[in-house]
PDB file of N, CA and C in Angstrom:
ATOM      1  N   UNK A   1       0.819  -1.461   0.165  1.00  0.00           N
ATOM      2  CA  UNK A   1       0.143   0.008  -0.222  1.00  0.00           C
ATOM      3  C   UNK A   1       0.975   0.851  -0.154  1.00  0.00           C
ATOM      4  N   UNK A   2       0.556   2.360  -1.080  1.00  0.00           N
ATOM      5  CA  UNK A   2       1.279   3.205  -1.043  1.00  0.00           C
ATOM      6  C   UNK A   2       0.077   4.545  -0.319  1.00  0.00           C
ATOM      7  N   UNK A   3       0.969   4.824   0.655  1.00  0.00           N
ATOM      8  CA  UNK A   3       0.079   6.280   1.288  1.00  0.00           C
ATOM      9  C   UNK A   3       0.540   8.049   1.153  1.00  0.00           C
ATOM     10  N   UNK A   4       0.469   8.873   0.378  1.00  0.00           N
ATOM     11  CA  UNK A   4       0.604   9.969   0.923  1.00  0.00           C
ATOM     12  C   UNK A   4      -0.382  10.870   1.008  1.00  0.00           C
ATOM     13  N   UNK A   5      -0.497  11.202   2.453  1.00  0.00           N
ATOM     14  CA  UNK A   5      -1.599  12.097   2.714  1.00  0.00           C
ATOM     15  C   UNK A   5      -2.903  11.553   3.260  1.00  0.00           C
ATOM     16  N   UNK A   6      -3.630  11.408   2.215  1.00  0.00           N
ATOM     17  CA  UNK A   6      -5.285  11.012   2.340  1.00  0.00           C
ATOM     18  C   UNK A   6      -5.216  10.102   1.161  1.00  0.00           C
ATOM     19  N   UNK A   7      -4.508  10.008   0.481  1.00  0.00           N
ATOM     20  CA  UNK A   7      -4.434   9.436  -0.773  1.00  0.00           C
ATOM     21  C   UNK A   7      -3.530   7.849  -0.443  1.00  0.00           C
ATOM     22  N   UNK A   8      -4.228   7.175  -1.212  1.00  0.00           N
ATOM     23  CA  UNK A   8      -3.448   6.253  -1.216  1.00  0.00           C
ATOM     24  C   UNK A   8      -3.997   4.703  -2.366  1.00  0.00           C
ATOM     25  N   UNK A   9      -2.965   4.060  -2.811  1.00  0.00           N
ATOM     26  CA  UNK A   9      -2.827   2.731  -3.719  1.00  0.00           C
ATOM     27  C   UNK A   9      -2.759   1.742  -2.971  1.00  0.00           C
ATOM     28  N   UNK A  10      -4.182   0.742  -3.569  1.00  0.00           N
ATOM     29  CA  UNK A  10      -3.464  -0.594  -3.079  1.00  0.00           C
ATOM     30  C   UNK A  10      -2.964  -1.404  -4.052  1.00  0.00           C
ATOM     31  N   UNK A  11      -2.125  -2.776  -3.007  1.00  0.00           N
ATOM     32  CA  UNK A  11      -0.712  -2.906  -3.777  1.00  0.00           C
ATOM     33  C   UNK A  11      -1.770  -4.380  -4.329  1.00  0.00           C
ATOM     34  N   UNK A  12      -1.521  -4.951  -5.529  1.00  0.00           N
ATOM     35  CA  UNK A  12      -2.251  -6.424  -5.608  1.00  0.00           C
ATOM     36  C   UNK A  12      -2.739  -7.359  -4.318  1.00  0.00           C
ATOM     37  N   UNK A  13      -1.326  -7.140  -3.565  1.00  0.00           N
ATOM     38  CA  UNK A  13      -1.243  -8.196  -2.212  1.00  0.00           C
ATOM     39  C   UNK A  13      -2.391  -7.467  -1.282  1.00  0.00           C
ATOM     40  N   UNK A  14      -2.607  -6.123  -1.093  1.00  0.00           N
ATOM     41  CA  UNK A  14      -3.223  -5.899  -0.411  1.00  0.00           C
ATOM     42  C   UNK A  14      -3.993  -5.992  -1.174  1.00  0.00           C
ATOM     43  N   UNK A  15      -5.147  -5.747  -1.712  1.00  0.00           N
ATOM     44  CA  UNK A  15      -6.515  -5.787  -2.191  1.00  0.00           C
ATOM     45  C   UNK A  15      -7.057  -7.615  -2.252  1.00  0.00           C
ATOM     46  N   UNK A  16      -6.254  -8.805  -2.472  1.00  0.00           N
ATOM     47  CA  UNK A  16      -6.349  -9.456  -2.498  1.00  0.00           C
ATOM     48  C   UNK A  16      -6.607 -10.199  -1.025  1.00  0.00           C
ATOM     49  N   UNK A  17      -5.836  -9.517  -0.076  1.00  0.00           N
ATOM     50  CA  UNK A  17      -5.586  -9.518   1.323  1.00  0.00           C
ATOM     51  C   UNK A  17      -7.239  -9.732   1.292  1.00  0.00           C
ATOM     52  N   UNK A  18      -7.163  -8.437   1.755  1.00  0.00           N
ATOM     53  CA  UNK A  18      -8.708  -7.778   1.689  1.00  0.00           C
ATOM     54  C   UNK A  18     -10.007  -8.781   1.139  1.00  0.00           C
ATOM     55  N   UNK A  19      -9.998  -9.240  -0.085  1.00  0.00           N
ATOM     56  CA  UNK A  19     -10.615  -9.866  -0.601  1.00  0.00           C
ATOM     57  C   UNK A  19     -10.796 -11.363  -0.090  1.00  0.00           C
ATOM     58  N   UNK A  20      -9.634 -12.072   0.518  1.00  0.00           N
ATOM     59  CA  UNK A  20      -9.501 -12.857   1.157  1.00  0.00           C
ATOM     60  C   UNK A  20     -10.244 -12.638   2.374  1.00  0.00           C
ATOM     61  N   UNK A  21     -10.241 -11.638   3.228  1.00  0.00           N
ATOM     62  CA  UNK A  21     -10.861 -11.628   4.438  1.00  0.00           C
ATOM     63  C   UNK A  21     -12.329 -11.224   4.177  1.00  0.00           C
ATOM     64  N   UNK A  22     -12.730 -11.011   3.793  1.00  0.00           N
ATOM     65  CA  UNK A  22     -14.449 -10.366   3.724  1.00  0.00           C
ATOM     66  C   UNK A  22     -14.970 -11.055   2.453  1.00  0.00           C
ATOM     67  N   UNK A  23     -14.286 -11.766   0.746  1.00  0.00           N
ATOM     68  CA  UNK A  23     -15.338 -12.220   0.367  1.00  0.00           C
ATOM     69  C   UNK A  23     -15.545 -11.241  -0.938  1.00  0.00           C
ATOM     70  N   UNK A  24     -15.112 -10.102  -0.794  1.00  0.00           N
ATOM     71  CA  UNK A  24     -15.660  -8.976  -1.657  1.00  0.00           C
ATOM     72  C   UNK A  24     -14.015  -8.100  -2.161  1.00  0.00           C
ATOM     73  N   UNK A  25     -14.001  -8.067  -3.424  1.00  0.00           N
ATOM     74  CA  UNK A  25     -13.138  -7.345  -3.945  1.00  0.00           C
ATOM     75  C   UNK A  25     -13.121  -5.799  -4.132  1.00  0.00           C
ATOM     76  N   UNK A  26     -12.034  -5.353  -3.071  1.00  0.00           N
ATOM     77  CA  UNK A  26     -12.007  -3.678  -2.620  1.00  0.00           C
ATOM     78  C   UNK A  26     -11.981  -3.067  -4.117  1.00  0.00           C
ATOM     79  N   UNK A  27     -13.318  -2.532  -4.296  1.00  0.00           N
ATOM     80  CA  UNK A  27     -12.858  -1.183  -6.403  1.00  0.00           C
ATOM     81  C   UNK A  27     -12.715  -0.192  -5.904  1.00  0.00           C
ATOM     82  N   UNK A  28     -11.865   0.538  -6.411  1.00  0.00           N
ATOM     83  CA  UNK A  28     -12.562   1.777  -6.169  1.00  0.00           C
ATOM     84  C   UNK A  28     -11.529   2.492  -4.982  1.00  0.00           C
ATOM     85  N   UNK A  29     -11.172   1.959  -4.289  1.00  0.00           N
ATOM     86  CA  UNK A  29     -10.376   2.950  -3.348  1.00  0.00           C
ATOM     87  C   UNK A  29      -9.636   3.468  -3.549  1.00  0.00           C
ATOM     88  N   UNK A  30      -9.053   4.729  -3.614  1.00  0.00           N
ATOM     89  CA  UNK A  30      -8.819   6.053  -3.737  1.00  0.00           C
ATOM     90  C   UNK A  30      -7.728   6.706  -2.405  1.00  0.00           C
ATOM     91  N   UNK A  31      -8.161   6.653  -1.386  1.00  0.00           N
ATOM     92  CA  UNK A  31      -8.078   7.653  -0.041  1.00  0.00           C
ATOM     93  C   UNK A  31      -8.343   6.772   1.071  1.00  0.00           C
ATOM     94  N   UNK A  32      -7.912   7.403   2.461  1.00  0.00           N
ATOM     95  CA  UNK A  32      -8.410   7.035   3.328  1.00  0.00           C
ATOM     96  C   UNK A  32      -9.483   6.397   3.318  1.00  0.00           C
ATOM     97  N   UNK A  33     -10.431   6.647   3.598  1.00  0.00           N
ATOM     98  CA  UNK A  33     -11.794   7.346   3.521  1.00  0.00           C
ATOM     99  C   UNK A  33     -12.431   6.440   3.220  1.00  0.00           C
ATOM    100  N   UNK A  34     -11.295   5.789   1.789  1.00  0.00           N
ATOM    101  CA  UNK A  34     -12.271   4.825   1.134  1.00  0.00           C
ATOM    102  C   UNK A  34     -12.459   3.569   1.594  1.00  0.00           C
ATOM    103  N   UNK A  35     -11.122   3.419   1.937  1.00  0.00           N
ATOM    104  CA  UNK A  35     -10.791   2.541   2.246  1.00  0.00           C
ATOM    105  C   UNK A  35     -11.051   1.701   4.102  1.00  0.00           C
ATOM    106  N   UNK A  36     -11.461   2.735   4.569  1.00  0.00           N
ATOM    107  CA  UNK A  36     -12.136   2.468   6.093  1.00  0.00           C
ATOM    108  C   UNK A  36     -13.810   2.637   6.443  1.00  0.00           C
ATOM    109  N   UNK A  37     -14.673   3.414   4.607  1.00  0.00           N
ATOM    110  CA  UNK A  37     -15.819   3.219   4.491  1.00  0.00           C
ATOM    111  C   UNK A  37     -16.032   1.622   3.825  1.00  0.00           C
ATOM    112  N   UNK A  38     -14.719   0.899   3.339  1.00  0.00           N
ATOM    113  CA  UNK A  38     -14.967  -0.585   2.824  1.00  0.00           C
ATOM    114  C   UNK A  38     -15.374  -1.356   4.099  1.00  0.00           C
ATOM    115  N   UNK A  39     -14.544  -1.485   4.883  1.00  0.00           N
ATOM    116  CA  UNK A  39     -14.077  -2.081   5.950  1.00  0.00           C
ATOM    117  C   UNK A  39     -15.354  -1.814   6.636  1.00  0.00           C
ATOM    118  N   UNK A  40     -15.503  -0.481   6.679  1.00  0.00           N
ATOM    119  CA  UNK A  40     -16.777  -0.398   7.888  1.00  0.00           C
ATOM    120  C   UNK A  40     -17.973  -1.261   7.214  1.00  0.00           C
ATOM    121  N   UNK A  41     -18.175  -1.434   6.404  1.00  0.00           N
ATOM    122  CA  UNK A  41     -19.448  -2.090   5.372  1.00  0.00           C
ATOM    123  C   UNK A  41     -19.224  -3.575   5.634  1.00  0.00           C
ATOM    124  N   UNK A  42     -18.112  -4.215   5.468  1.00  0.00           N
ATOM    125  CA  UNK A  42     -17.566  -5.533   5.700  1.00  0.00           C
ATOM    126  C   UNK A  42     -18.185  -6.023   7.212  1.00  0.00           C
ATOM    127  N   UNK A  43     -17.692  -5.602   8.074  1.00  0.00           N
ATOM    128  CA  UNK A  43     -17.142  -5.671   9.613  1.00  0.00           C
ATOM    129  C   UNK A  43     -19.285  -6.042  10.224  1.00  0.00           C
ATOM    130  N   UNK A  44     -19.897  -5.532   8.839  1.00  0.00           N
ATOM    131  CA  UNK A  44     -21.378  -6.116   9.715  1.00  0.00           C
ATOM    132  C   UNK A  44     -21.209  -7.461   9.479  1.00  0.00           C
ATOM    133  N   UNK A  45     -21.036  -7.998   8.475  1.00  0.00           N
ATOM    134  CA  UNK A  45     -20.840  -9.488   7.928  1.00  0.00           C
ATOM    135  C   UNK A  45     -20.550 -10.696   9.234  1.00  0.00           C
ATOM    136  N   UNK A  46     -19.588  -9.956  10.118  1.00  0.00           N
ATOM    137  CA  UNK A  46     -18.950 -10.910  11.013  1.00  0.00           C
ATOM    138  C   UNK A  46     -19.600 -10.332  12.550  1.00  0.00           C
ATOM    139  N   UNK A  47     -20.707 -10.016  12.742  1.00  0.00           N
ATOM    140  CA  UNK A  47     -21.806 -10.152  13.996  1.00  0.00           C
ATOM    141  C   UNK A  47     -22.429 -11.591  14.586  1.00  0.00           C
ATOM    142  N   UNK A  48     -22.031 -12.030  13.903  1.00  0.00           N
ATOM    143  CA  UNK A  48     -22.668 -13.512  14.363  1.00  0.00           C
ATOM    144  C   UNK A  48     -22.172 -13.795  15.745  1.00  0.00           C
ATOM    145  N   UNK A  49     -20.887 -13.870  16.195  1.00  0.00           N
ATOM    146  CA  UNK A  49     -20.397 -13.941  17.753  1.00  0.00           C
ATOM    147  C   UNK A  49     -19.575 -15.705  17.373  1.00  0.00           C
ATOM    148  N   UNK A  50     -19.696 -16.024  16.502  1.00  0.00           N
ATOM    149  CA  UNK A  50     -18.790 -17.709  16.154  1.00  0.00           C
ATOM    150  C   UNK A  50     -17.460 -16.708  16.402  1.00  0.00           C
ATOM    151  N   UNK A  51     -16.710 -17.847  16.643  1.00  0.00           N
ATOM    152  CA  UNK A  51     -15.410 -17.558  17.174  1.00  0.00           C
ATOM    153  C   UNK A  51     -14.246 -16.818  15.710  1.00  0.00           C
ATOM    154  N   UNK A  52     -14.796 -17.785  14.631  1.00  0.00           N
ATOM    155  CA  UNK A  52     -14.320 -17.524  12.804  1.00  0.00           C
ATOM    156  C   UNK A  52     -15.036 -15.836  12.802  1.00  0.00           C
ATOM    157  N   UNK A  53     -15.848 -15.673  12.992  1.00  0.00           N
ATOM    158  CA  UNK A  53     -16.416 -14.463  12.912  1.00  0.00           C
ATOM    159  C   UNK A  53     -15.601 -13.409  13.416  1.00  0.00           C
ATOM    160  N   UNK A  54     -14.904 -14.216  15.349  1.00  0.00           N
ATOM    161  CA  UNK A  54     -14.871 -12.743  15.749  1.00  0.00           C
ATOM    162  C   UNK A  54     -13.435 -12.589  15.199  1.00  0.00           C
ATOM    163  N   UNK A  55     -12.761 -13.985  14.649  1.00  0.00           N
ATOM    164  CA  UNK A  55     -11.385 -13.421  14.218  1.00  0.00           C
ATOM    165  C   UNK A  55     -11.105 -12.523  13.183  1.00  0.00           C
ATOM    166  N   UNK A  56     -12.293 -13.074  12.150  1.00  0.00           N
ATOM    167  CA  UNK A  56     -11.782 -12.677  11.130  1.00  0.00           C
ATOM    168  C   UNK A  56     -12.133 -10.394  11.216  1.00  0.00           C
ATOM    169  N   UNK A  57     -13.053 -10.686  12.149  1.00  0.00           N
ATOM    170  CA  UNK A  57     -13.298  -8.858  12.292  1.00  0.00           C
ATOM    171  C   UNK A  57     -11.953  -8.441  12.917  1.00  0.00           C
ATOM    172  N   UNK A  58     -11.535  -9.522  13.926  1.00  0.00           N
ATOM    173  CA  UNK A  58     -10.523  -8.637  14.280  1.00  0.00           C
ATOM    174  C   UNK A  58      -9.219  -8.469  12.931  1.00  0.00           C
ATOM    175  N   UNK A  59      -8.871  -9.632  12.183  1.00  0.00           N
ATOM    176  CA  UNK A  59      -8.084  -9.369  10.975  1.00  0.00           C
ATOM    177  C   UNK A  59      -8.502  -8.066  10.387  1.00  0.00           C
ATOM    178  N   UNK A  60     -10.271  -7.958  10.108  1.00  0.00           N
ATOM    179  CA  UNK A  60     -10.190  -6.834   9.210  1.00  0.00           C
ATOM    180  C   UNK A  60     -10.110  -5.273   9.760  1.00  0.00           C
ATOM    181  N   UNK A  61     -10.077  -5.464  11.042  1.00  0.00           N
ATOM    182  CA  UNK A  61      -9.867  -4.101  12.003  1.00  0.00           C
ATOM    183  C   UNK A  61      -8.852  -3.389  12.074  1.00  0.00           C
ATOM    184  N   UNK A  62      -8.274  -4.954  12.015  1.00  0.00           N
ATOM    185  CA  UNK A  62      -6.361  -4.448  11.456  1.00  0.00           C
ATOM    186  C   UNK A  62      -6.057  -3.449  10.498  1.00  0.00           C
ATOM    187  N   UNK A  63      -6.790  -3.956   9.659  1.00  0.00           N
ATOM    188  CA  UNK A  63      -6.578  -2.890   8.220  1.00  0.00           C
ATOM    189  C   UNK A  63      -6.702  -1.797   8.261  1.00  0.00           C
ATOM    190  N   UNK A  64      -7.933  -1.326   8.918  1.00  0.00           N
ATOM    191  CA  UNK A  64      -8.319   0.122   8.809  1.00  0.00           C
ATOM    192  C   UNK A  64      -6.647   1.250   9.607  1.00  0.00           C
ATOM    193  N   UNK A  65      -6.862   2.511   8.719  1.00  0.00           N
ATOM    194  CA  UNK A  65      -5.964   3.275   9.063  1.00  0.00           C
ATOM    195  C   UNK A  65      -6.529   4.645  10.293  1.00  0.00           C
ATOM    196  N   UNK A  66      -6.055   4.868  10.414  1.00  0.00           N
ATOM    197  CA  UNK A  66      -6.348   5.879  12.162  1.00  0.00           C
ATOM    198  C   UNK A  66      -5.949   7.441  11.908  1.00  0.00           C
TER     199      UNK A  66
END
């Protein structure tokens, strides 16, 4: 991932990692807000409380940029 201020560019490895975690390819992400919005939308999938969902939620929350 390349980042300059609020702008960013996901490398293919970053996009693949997010797709493996969420099942959705992160397209159209050009800045930090887009990435965090994508992650917030995907976190809803992992609210069922199973151990696997908790792990995936932690992995996805770790991808957020504060």
